């Protein structure tokens, strides 16, 4: 028994060190965000909330960029869900020629490098007046995340019990009623997981957005990228800490609403 316990110690030590290695950047970032210094330094020479005051006073334009990112991420998630749900139902339940080809088209954005997609969208959106607009960013990011929402929705559709739909149809329910009262509630965890994933991916997206933003409409990742080109002060750490807190809040909300394990199943 002693030999067995001793044999586990290297594994436990390795897991602990890996865990600390992954958490160290987050912990250091949070600590630096409370620094009184005017430059990035660890450990800080003093403590202050001035960088959070600067953040909420729209220092570096980060507060405005955050609003843009939230609006774009929400719009892209809603649009991708609106497209992906009927598309997933058609791919899962429909029997038509070219089904595999249609599914491949929906998954195509995953196969093309993001920088190529960004350049292509720039060439298409510029003549249409969509560059540097909320509509352009929402459309672009929705196209990027639709494959993920379709996959999570398809997974829910293929794992649900089809006999529930058949029973509703036998009782005389129309296809629309069956979908609204039976199918949608059963696949809701998959749809929600796709929505959350789409929101987080859009919120964090930088490569394609770099081609489409403007000085007036700029997402938070692009604002941070622009800021670090000329300045390296703890305001960046304050922004990063805010994003960490936002991610934790999203996880807690999803857990309270439907259960995180159920969403990620």
C-alpha atoms as a PDB file:
ATOM      1  CA  UNK A   1       0.000   0.000   0.000  1.00  0.00           C
ATOM      2  CA  UNK A   2       2.886   2.347   0.851  1.00  0.00           C
ATOM      3  CA  UNK A   3       4.480   1.628  -2.521  1.00  0.00           C
ATOM      4  CA  UNK A   4       1.175   2.401  -4.246  1.00  0.00           C
ATOM      5  CA  UNK A   5       0.851   5.742  -2.444  1.00  0.00           C
ATOM      6  CA  UNK A   6       4.462   6.652  -3.234  1.00  0.00           C
ATOM      7  CA  UNK A   7       3.867   5.718  -6.874  1.00  0.00           C
ATOM      8  CA  UNK A   8       1.052   8.258  -7.107  1.00  0.00           C
ATOM      9  CA  UNK A   9       3.163  11.165  -5.876  1.00  0.00           C
ATOM     10  CA  UNK A  10       4.950  11.848  -9.187  1.00  0.00           C
ATOM     11  CA  UNK A  11       1.590  11.956 -10.957  1.00  0.00           C
ATOM     12  CA  UNK A  12       0.063  14.258  -8.356  1.00  0.00           C
ATOM     13  CA  UNK A  13       3.115  16.504  -8.399  1.00  0.00           C
ATOM     14  CA  UNK A  14       3.051  16.673 -12.187  1.00  0.00           C
ATOM     15  CA  UNK A  15      -0.667  17.540 -12.248  1.00  0.00           C
ATOM     16  CA  UNK A  16      -0.160  20.192  -9.557  1.00  0.00           C
ATOM     17  CA  UNK A  17       2.733  21.796 -11.432  1.00  0.00           C
ATOM     18  CA  UNK A  18       0.748  21.762 -14.695  1.00  0.00           C
ATOM     19  CA  UNK A  19      -2.234  23.331 -12.919  1.00  0.00           C
ATOM     20  CA  UNK A  20      -0.033  26.084 -11.445  1.00  0.00           C
ATOM     21  CA  UNK A  21       1.625  26.648 -14.829  1.00  0.00           C
ATOM     22  CA  UNK A  22      -1.766  27.200 -16.457  1.00  0.00           C
ATOM     23  CA  UNK A  23      -3.054  29.437 -13.650  1.00  0.00           C
ATOM     24  CA  UNK A  24       0.102  31.499 -13.176  1.00  0.00           C
ATOM     25  CA  UNK A  25      -0.526  33.942 -16.070  1.00  0.00           C
ATOM     26  CA  UNK A  26      -4.084  34.575 -14.855  1.00  0.00           C
ATOM     27  CA  UNK A  27      -2.997  35.134 -11.248  1.00  0.00           C
ATOM     28  CA  UNK A  28      -0.155  37.452 -12.283  1.00  0.00           C
ATOM     29  CA  UNK A  29      -2.476  39.435 -14.573  1.00  0.00           C
ATOM     30  CA  UNK A  30      -5.022  39.950 -11.786  1.00  0.00           C
ATOM     31  CA  UNK A  31      -2.306  41.060  -9.366  1.00  0.00           C
ATOM     32  CA  UNK A  32      -0.784  43.528 -11.844  1.00  0.00           C
ATOM     33  CA  UNK A  33      -4.208  45.056 -12.523  1.00  0.00           C
ATOM     34  CA  UNK A  34      -4.080  46.496  -8.968  1.00  0.00           C
ATOM     35  CA  UNK A  35      -0.592  47.932  -9.464  1.00  0.00           C
ATOM     36  CA  UNK A  36       0.225  51.572  -8.691  1.00  0.00           C
ATOM     37  CA  UNK A  37       3.046  51.534 -11.234  1.00  0.00           C
ATOM     38  CA  UNK A  38       2.780  53.208 -14.626  1.00  0.00           C
ATOM     39  CA  UNK A  39       4.281  50.215 -16.414  1.00  0.00           C
ATOM     40  CA  UNK A  40       3.960  46.440 -16.316  1.00  0.00           C
ATOM     41  CA  UNK A  41       5.987  45.141 -13.396  1.00  0.00           C
ATOM     42  CA  UNK A  42       5.698  42.060 -11.217  1.00  0.00           C
ATOM     43  CA  UNK A  43       5.517  42.174  -8.299  1.00  0.00           C
ATOM     44  CA  UNK A  44       4.054  45.699  -8.135  1.00  0.00           C
ATOM     45  CA  UNK A  45       5.794  48.305  -6.021  1.00  0.00           C
ATOM     46  CA  UNK A  46       2.421  49.537  -4.721  1.00  0.00           C
ATOM     47  CA  UNK A  47      -1.325  49.020  -4.935  1.00  0.00           C
ATOM     48  CA  UNK A  48      -4.018  51.143  -6.514  1.00  0.00           C
ATOM     49  CA  UNK A  49      -7.412  51.034  -8.238  1.00  0.00           C
ATOM     50  CA  UNK A  50      -6.478  53.794 -10.677  1.00  0.00           C
ATOM     51  CA  UNK A  51      -6.360  51.455 -13.677  1.00  0.00           C
ATOM     52  CA  UNK A  52      -9.915  50.295 -13.040  1.00  0.00           C
ATOM     53  CA  UNK A  53     -10.960  53.938 -12.679  1.00  0.00           C
ATOM     54  CA  UNK A  54      -9.281  54.641 -16.015  1.00  0.00           C
ATOM     55  CA  UNK A  55     -11.002  51.626 -17.562  1.00  0.00           C
ATOM     56  CA  UNK A  56     -14.495  52.682 -16.497  1.00  0.00           C
ATOM     57  CA  UNK A  57     -13.689  56.236 -17.638  1.00  0.00           C
ATOM     58  CA  UNK A  58     -13.192  54.715 -21.105  1.00  0.00           C
ATOM     59  CA  UNK A  59      -9.416  54.921 -20.912  1.00  0.00           C
ATOM     60  CA  UNK A  60      -7.878  53.600 -24.108  1.00  0.00           C
ATOM     61  CA  UNK A  61     -11.389  53.402 -25.568  1.00  0.00           C
ATOM     62  CA  UNK A  62     -11.812  49.996 -23.937  1.00  0.00           C
ATOM     63  CA  UNK A  63     -15.286  50.618 -22.500  1.00  0.00           C
ATOM     64  CA  UNK A  64     -16.605  51.607 -25.935  1.00  0.00           C
ATOM     65  CA  UNK A  65     -14.848  48.631 -27.530  1.00  0.00           C
ATOM     66  CA  UNK A  66     -16.425  46.339 -24.931  1.00  0.00           C
ATOM     67  CA  UNK A  67     -19.891  47.574 -25.882  1.00  0.00           C
ATOM     68  CA  UNK A  68     -19.116  46.895 -29.544  1.00  0.00           C
ATOM     69  CA  UNK A  69     -17.870  43.376 -28.750  1.00  0.00           C
ATOM     70  CA  UNK A  70     -20.952  42.534 -26.672  1.00  0.00           C
ATOM     71  CA  UNK A  71     -23.335  43.806 -29.367  1.00  0.00           C
ATOM     72  CA  UNK A  72     -21.464  42.015 -32.163  1.00  0.00           C
ATOM     73  CA  UNK A  73     -21.150  38.769 -30.193  1.00  0.00           C
ATOM     74  CA  UNK A  74     -24.841  38.806 -29.236  1.00  0.00           C
ATOM     75  CA  UNK A  75     -25.991  39.622 -32.765  1.00  0.00           C
ATOM     76  CA  UNK A  76     -23.738  36.974 -34.310  1.00  0.00           C
ATOM     77  CA  UNK A  77     -24.903  34.339 -31.827  1.00  0.00           C
ATOM     78  CA  UNK A  78     -28.584  35.070 -32.430  1.00  0.00           C
ATOM     79  CA  UNK A  79     -28.128  35.084 -36.206  1.00  0.00           C
ATOM     80  CA  UNK A  80     -26.075  31.885 -36.193  1.00  0.00           C
ATOM     81  CA  UNK A  81     -28.698  30.136 -34.046  1.00  0.00           C
ATOM     82  CA  UNK A  82     -31.519  31.339 -36.324  1.00  0.00           C
ATOM     83  CA  UNK A  83     -29.715  29.866 -39.336  1.00  0.00           C
ATOM     84  CA  UNK A  84     -28.297  26.760 -37.688  1.00  0.00           C
ATOM     85  CA  UNK A  85     -31.439  25.356 -36.050  1.00  0.00           C
ATOM     86  CA  UNK A  86     -33.514  24.918 -39.241  1.00  0.00           C
ATOM     87  CA  UNK A  87     -30.382  23.876 -41.158  1.00  0.00           C
ATOM     88  CA  UNK A  88     -29.558  21.210 -38.576  1.00  0.00           C
ATOM     89  CA  UNK A  89     -33.152  19.939 -38.594  1.00  0.00           C
ATOM     90  CA  UNK A  90     -33.097  19.710 -42.397  1.00  0.00           C
ATOM     91  CA  UNK A  91     -29.749  17.897 -42.384  1.00  0.00           C
ATOM     92  CA  UNK A  92     -30.833  15.528 -39.619  1.00  0.00           C
ATOM     93  CA  UNK A  93     -34.412  14.776 -40.667  1.00  0.00           C
ATOM     94  CA  UNK A  94     -34.433  15.567 -44.378  1.00  0.00           C
ATOM     95  CA  UNK A  95     -33.786  13.023 -47.102  1.00  0.00           C
ATOM     96  CA  UNK A  96     -32.643  14.798 -50.239  1.00  0.00           C
ATOM     97  CA  UNK A  97     -29.891  14.564 -52.807  1.00  0.00           C
ATOM     98  CA  UNK A  98     -26.766  16.548 -52.083  1.00  0.00           C
ATOM     99  CA  UNK A  99     -27.230  16.423 -48.311  1.00  0.00           C
ATOM    100  CA  UNK A 100     -23.526  15.751 -47.729  1.00  0.00           C
ATOM    101  CA  UNK A 101     -22.593  18.591 -50.073  1.00  0.00           C
ATOM    102  CA  UNK A 102     -24.832  21.019 -48.179  1.00  0.00           C
ATOM    103  CA  UNK A 103     -23.325  19.931 -44.860  1.00  0.00           C
ATOM    104  CA  UNK A 104     -19.824  20.420 -46.285  1.00  0.00           C
ATOM    105  CA  UNK A 105     -20.737  23.966 -47.373  1.00  0.00           C
ATOM    106  CA  UNK A 106     -21.863  24.832 -43.864  1.00  0.00           C
ATOM    107  CA  UNK A 107     -18.569  23.490 -42.452  1.00  0.00           C
ATOM    108  CA  UNK A 108     -16.404  25.226 -45.081  1.00  0.00           C
ATOM    109  CA  UNK A 109     -15.426  28.197 -42.846  1.00  0.00           C
ATOM    110  CA  UNK A 110     -13.558  25.764 -40.587  1.00  0.00           C
ATOM    111  CA  UNK A 111     -11.324  24.693 -43.465  1.00  0.00           C
ATOM    112  CA  UNK A 112     -10.265  28.140 -44.709  1.00  0.00           C
ATOM    113  CA  UNK A 113      -7.594  30.151 -42.836  1.00  0.00           C
ATOM    114  CA  UNK A 114      -9.122  33.074 -40.980  1.00  0.00           C
ATOM    115  CA  UNK A 115      -6.827  35.595 -42.656  1.00  0.00           C
ATOM    116  CA  UNK A 116      -8.052  34.431 -46.078  1.00  0.00           C
ATOM    117  CA  UNK A 117     -11.669  34.767 -44.917  1.00  0.00           C
ATOM    118  CA  UNK A 118     -10.935  38.256 -43.585  1.00  0.00           C
ATOM    119  CA  UNK A 119      -9.384  39.416 -46.854  1.00  0.00           C
ATOM    120  CA  UNK A 120     -12.247  37.961 -48.891  1.00  0.00           C
ATOM    121  CA  UNK A 121     -14.860  39.634 -46.704  1.00  0.00           C
ATOM    122  CA  UNK A 122     -13.002  42.941 -46.945  1.00  0.00           C
ATOM    123  CA  UNK A 123     -13.167  42.774 -50.746  1.00  0.00           C
ATOM    124  CA  UNK A 124     -16.872  41.909 -50.645  1.00  0.00           C
ATOM    125  CA  UNK A 125     -17.998  44.231 -47.845  1.00  0.00           C
ATOM    126  CA  UNK A 126     -16.140  47.381 -48.898  1.00  0.00           C
ATOM    127  CA  UNK A 127     -18.191  48.027 -52.079  1.00  0.00           C
ATOM    128  CA  UNK A 128     -21.376  47.250 -50.122  1.00  0.00           C
ATOM    129  CA  UNK A 129     -20.567  49.793 -47.422  1.00  0.00           C
ATOM    130  CA  UNK A 130     -20.428  47.122 -44.705  1.00  0.00           C
ATOM    131  CA  UNK A 131     -16.809  47.624 -43.681  1.00  0.00           C
ATOM    132  CA  UNK A 132     -16.544  49.292 -40.300  1.00  0.00           C
ATOM    133  CA  UNK A 133     -20.199  48.681 -39.450  1.00  0.00           C
ATOM    134  CA  UNK A 134     -21.996  46.582 -36.854  1.00  0.00           C
ATOM    135  CA  UNK A 135     -23.873  44.775 -39.604  1.00  0.00           C
ATOM    136  CA  UNK A 136     -20.672  43.767 -41.352  1.00  0.00           C
ATOM    137  CA  UNK A 137     -19.045  42.461 -38.177  1.00  0.00           C
ATOM    138  CA  UNK A 138     -22.182  40.538 -37.182  1.00  0.00           C
ATOM    139  CA  UNK A 139     -22.525  38.915 -40.611  1.00  0.00           C
ATOM    140  CA  UNK A 140     -18.829  38.022 -40.762  1.00  0.00           C
ATOM    141  CA  UNK A 141     -18.681  36.506 -37.298  1.00  0.00           C
ATOM    142  CA  UNK A 142     -21.982  34.670 -37.742  1.00  0.00           C
ATOM    143  CA  UNK A 143     -20.514  32.970 -40.790  1.00  0.00           C
ATOM    144  CA  UNK A 144     -17.503  31.903 -38.728  1.00  0.00           C
ATOM    145  CA  UNK A 145     -19.489  30.394 -35.838  1.00  0.00           C
ATOM    146  CA  UNK A 146     -22.413  28.806 -37.729  1.00  0.00           C
ATOM    147  CA  UNK A 147     -20.467  25.515 -38.162  1.00  0.00           C
ATOM    148  CA  UNK A 148     -20.094  25.177 -34.387  1.00  0.00           C
ATOM    149  CA  UNK A 149     -23.780  25.837 -33.684  1.00  0.00           C
ATOM    150  CA  UNK A 150     -24.817  23.406 -36.405  1.00  0.00           C
ATOM    151  CA  UNK A 151     -22.580  20.673 -34.979  1.00  0.00           C
ATOM    152  CA  UNK A 152     -23.905  21.034 -31.418  1.00  0.00           C
ATOM    153  CA  UNK A 153     -27.513  21.156 -32.663  1.00  0.00           C
ATOM    154  CA  UNK A 154     -26.983  18.148 -34.944  1.00  0.00           C
ATOM    155  CA  UNK A 155     -25.534  16.221 -32.026  1.00  0.00           C
ATOM    156  CA  UNK A 156     -28.634  16.929 -29.948  1.00  0.00           C
ATOM    157  CA  UNK A 157     -30.934  15.941 -32.810  1.00  0.00           C
ATOM    158  CA  UNK A 158     -29.153  12.643 -33.456  1.00  0.00           C
ATOM    159  CA  UNK A 159     -29.120  11.659 -29.782  1.00  0.00           C
ATOM    160  CA  UNK A 160     -32.738  12.593 -28.928  1.00  0.00           C
ATOM    161  CA  UNK A 161     -35.482   9.972 -28.955  1.00  0.00           C
ATOM    162  CA  UNK A 162     -37.266  10.334 -32.316  1.00  0.00           C
ATOM    163  CA  UNK A 163     -40.239   8.391 -30.949  1.00  0.00           C
ATOM    164  CA  UNK A 164     -41.353  11.526 -29.096  1.00  0.00           C
ATOM    165  CA  UNK A 165     -41.793  13.322 -32.415  1.00  0.00           C
ATOM    166  CA  UNK A 166     -43.528  10.303 -33.921  1.00  0.00           C
ATOM    167  CA  UNK A 167     -45.953  10.135 -31.008  1.00  0.00           C
ATOM    168  CA  UNK A 168     -46.853  13.811 -31.413  1.00  0.00           C
ATOM    169  CA  UNK A 169     -47.394  13.341 -35.150  1.00  0.00           C
ATOM    170  CA  UNK A 170     -49.579  10.302 -34.491  1.00  0.00           C
ATOM    171  CA  UNK A 171     -51.765  12.450 -32.230  1.00  0.00           C
ATOM    172  CA  UNK A 172     -52.319  14.849 -35.125  1.00  0.00           C
ATOM    173  CA  UNK A 173     -49.806  17.589 -34.370  1.00  0.00           C
ATOM    174  CA  UNK A 174     -48.531  19.533 -37.371  1.00  0.00           C
ATOM    175  CA  UNK A 175     -44.777  19.641 -38.121  1.00  0.00           C
ATOM    176  CA  UNK A 176     -44.579  23.203 -36.763  1.00  0.00           C
ATOM    177  CA  UNK A 177     -46.316  22.204 -33.519  1.00  0.00           C
ATOM    178  CA  UNK A 178     -44.088  19.118 -33.166  1.00  0.00           C
ATOM    179  CA  UNK A 179     -40.982  21.235 -33.564  1.00  0.00           C
ATOM    180  CA  UNK A 180     -42.136  23.935 -31.142  1.00  0.00           C
ATOM    181  CA  UNK A 181     -43.490  21.672 -28.398  1.00  0.00           C
ATOM    182  CA  UNK A 182     -41.349  18.535 -28.703  1.00  0.00           C
ATOM    183  CA  UNK A 183     -38.174  18.922 -30.746  1.00  0.00           C
ATOM    184  CA  UNK A 184     -37.001  22.362 -29.610  1.00  0.00           C
ATOM    185  CA  UNK A 185     -37.305  21.696 -25.843  1.00  0.00           C
ATOM    186  CA  UNK A 186     -35.363  18.434 -26.260  1.00  0.00           C
ATOM    187  CA  UNK A 187     -32.510  19.977 -28.255  1.00  0.00           C
ATOM    188  CA  UNK A 188     -32.411  23.212 -26.232  1.00  0.00           C
ATOM    189  CA  UNK A 189     -29.252  22.243 -24.276  1.00  0.00           C
ATOM    190  CA  UNK A 190     -27.397  21.687 -27.542  1.00  0.00           C
ATOM    191  CA  UNK A 191     -28.708  24.940 -28.989  1.00  0.00           C
ATOM    192  CA  UNK A 192     -27.716  26.811 -25.838  1.00  0.00           C
ATOM    193  CA  UNK A 193     -24.253  25.287 -25.832  1.00  0.00           C
ATOM    194  CA  UNK A 194     -23.827  26.371 -29.444  1.00  0.00           C
ATOM    195  CA  UNK A 195     -25.075  29.862 -28.593  1.00  0.00           C
ATOM    196  CA  UNK A 196     -22.641  30.234 -25.689  1.00  0.00           C
ATOM    197  CA  UNK A 197     -19.780  28.870 -27.776  1.00  0.00           C
ATOM    198  CA  UNK A 198     -20.662  31.238 -30.625  1.00  0.00           C
ATOM    199  CA  UNK A 199     -20.755  34.195 -28.230  1.00  0.00           C
ATOM    200  CA  UNK A 200     -17.362  33.397 -26.714  1.00  0.00           C
ATOM    201  CA  UNK A 201     -15.716  32.711 -30.078  1.00  0.00           C
ATOM    202  CA  UNK A 202     -17.092  35.932 -31.558  1.00  0.00           C
ATOM    203  CA  UNK A 203     -16.131  37.955 -28.493  1.00  0.00           C
ATOM    204  CA  UNK A 204     -12.549  36.671 -28.761  1.00  0.00           C
ATOM    205  CA  UNK A 205     -12.258  36.861 -32.575  1.00  0.00           C
ATOM    206  CA  UNK A 206      -9.512  39.172 -33.863  1.00  0.00           C
ATOM    207  CA  UNK A 207      -8.141  38.006 -37.221  1.00  0.00           C
ATOM    208  CA  UNK A 208     -11.216  38.537 -39.409  1.00  0.00           C
ATOM    209  CA  UNK A 209     -12.343  41.569 -37.406  1.00  0.00           C
ATOM    210  CA  UNK A 210      -8.979  43.216 -38.044  1.00  0.00           C
ATOM    211  CA  UNK A 211      -9.977  43.568 -41.710  1.00  0.00           C
ATOM    212  CA  UNK A 212     -13.453  44.932 -40.986  1.00  0.00           C
ATOM    213  CA  UNK A 213     -13.236  47.319 -38.021  1.00  0.00           C
ATOM    214  CA  UNK A 214     -12.922  51.085 -38.217  1.00  0.00           C
ATOM    215  CA  UNK A 215     -11.893  53.802 -35.793  1.00  0.00           C
ATOM    216  CA  UNK A 216     -15.570  54.215 -34.850  1.00  0.00           C
ATOM    217  CA  UNK A 217     -16.569  50.554 -34.633  1.00  0.00           C
ATOM    218  CA  UNK A 218     -13.770  48.552 -33.016  1.00  0.00           C
ATOM    219  CA  UNK A 219     -14.019  45.324 -31.015  1.00  0.00           C
ATOM    220  CA  UNK A 220     -12.225  44.816 -27.699  1.00  0.00           C
ATOM    221  CA  UNK A 221      -9.504  42.397 -28.958  1.00  0.00           C
ATOM    222  CA  UNK A 222      -8.595  44.860 -31.722  1.00  0.00           C
ATOM    223  CA  UNK A 223      -8.586  47.770 -29.252  1.00  0.00           C
ATOM    224  CA  UNK A 224      -6.212  45.830 -26.991  1.00  0.00           C
ATOM    225  CA  UNK A 225      -3.983  44.971 -29.941  1.00  0.00           C
ATOM    226  CA  UNK A 226      -3.819  48.627 -31.008  1.00  0.00           C
ATOM    227  CA  UNK A 227      -3.146  49.790 -27.445  1.00  0.00           C
ATOM    228  CA  UNK A 228      -0.239  47.431 -26.832  1.00  0.00           C
ATOM    229  CA  UNK A 229       1.518  48.741 -29.940  1.00  0.00           C
ATOM    230  CA  UNK A 230       2.316  52.003 -28.182  1.00  0.00           C
ATOM    231  CA  UNK A 231       1.789  51.482 -24.447  1.00  0.00           C
ATOM    232  CA  UNK A 232       2.349  48.693 -21.933  1.00  0.00           C
ATOM    233  CA  UNK A 233       0.769  49.789 -18.684  1.00  0.00           C
ATOM    234  CA  UNK A 234      -1.449  47.886 -16.188  1.00  0.00           C
ATOM    235  CA  UNK A 235      -4.597  49.143 -17.928  1.00  0.00           C
ATOM    236  CA  UNK A 236      -4.234  46.076 -20.148  1.00  0.00           C
ATOM    237  CA  UNK A 237      -4.179  43.889 -17.041  1.00  0.00           C
ATOM    238  CA  UNK A 238      -7.344  45.587 -15.751  1.00  0.00           C
ATOM    239  CA  UNK A 239      -9.108  44.889 -19.057  1.00  0.00           C
ATOM    240  CA  UNK A 240      -7.921  41.268 -18.995  1.00  0.00           C
ATOM    241  CA  UNK A 241      -9.124  40.819 -15.410  1.00  0.00           C
ATOM    242  CA  UNK A 242     -12.521  42.186 -16.402  1.00  0.00           C
ATOM    243  CA  UNK A 243     -12.693  39.606 -19.199  1.00  0.00           C
ATOM    244  CA  UNK A 244     -11.768  36.835 -16.746  1.00  0.00           C
ATOM    245  CA  UNK A 245     -14.589  37.920 -14.431  1.00  0.00           C
ATOM    246  CA  UNK A 246     -16.998  38.098 -17.394  1.00  0.00           C
ATOM    247  CA  UNK A 247     -16.131  34.524 -18.402  1.00  0.00           C
ATOM    248  CA  UNK A 248     -16.689  33.293 -14.843  1.00  0.00           C
ATOM    249  CA  UNK A 249     -20.064  35.062 -14.697  1.00  0.00           C
ATOM    250  CA  UNK A 250     -21.145  33.444 -17.981  1.00  0.00           C
ATOM    251  CA  UNK A 251     -20.200  29.995 -16.676  1.00  0.00           C
ATOM    252  CA  UNK A 252     -22.124  30.589 -13.420  1.00  0.00           C
ATOM    253  CA  UNK A 253     -25.219  31.840 -15.266  1.00  0.00           C
ATOM    254  CA  UNK A 254     -25.237  28.838 -17.630  1.00  0.00           C
ATOM    255  CA  UNK A 255     -24.754  26.483 -14.684  1.00  0.00           C
ATOM    256  CA  UNK A 256     -27.683  28.039 -12.800  1.00  0.00           C
ATOM    257  CA  UNK A 257     -30.002  28.068 -15.822  1.00  0.00           C
ATOM    258  CA  UNK A 258     -29.570  24.603 -17.311  1.00  0.00           C
ATOM    259  CA  UNK A 259     -26.500  23.045 -15.732  1.00  0.00           C
ATOM    260  CA  UNK A 260     -23.078  23.294 -17.346  1.00  0.00           C
ATOM    261  CA  UNK A 261     -22.642  19.531 -17.634  1.00  0.00           C
ATOM    262  CA  UNK A 262     -25.955  19.244 -19.469  1.00  0.00           C
ATOM    263  CA  UNK A 263     -25.026  22.069 -21.864  1.00  0.00           C
ATOM    264  CA  UNK A 264     -21.619  20.578 -22.677  1.00  0.00           C
ATOM    265  CA  UNK A 265     -22.933  17.031 -22.978  1.00  0.00           C
END
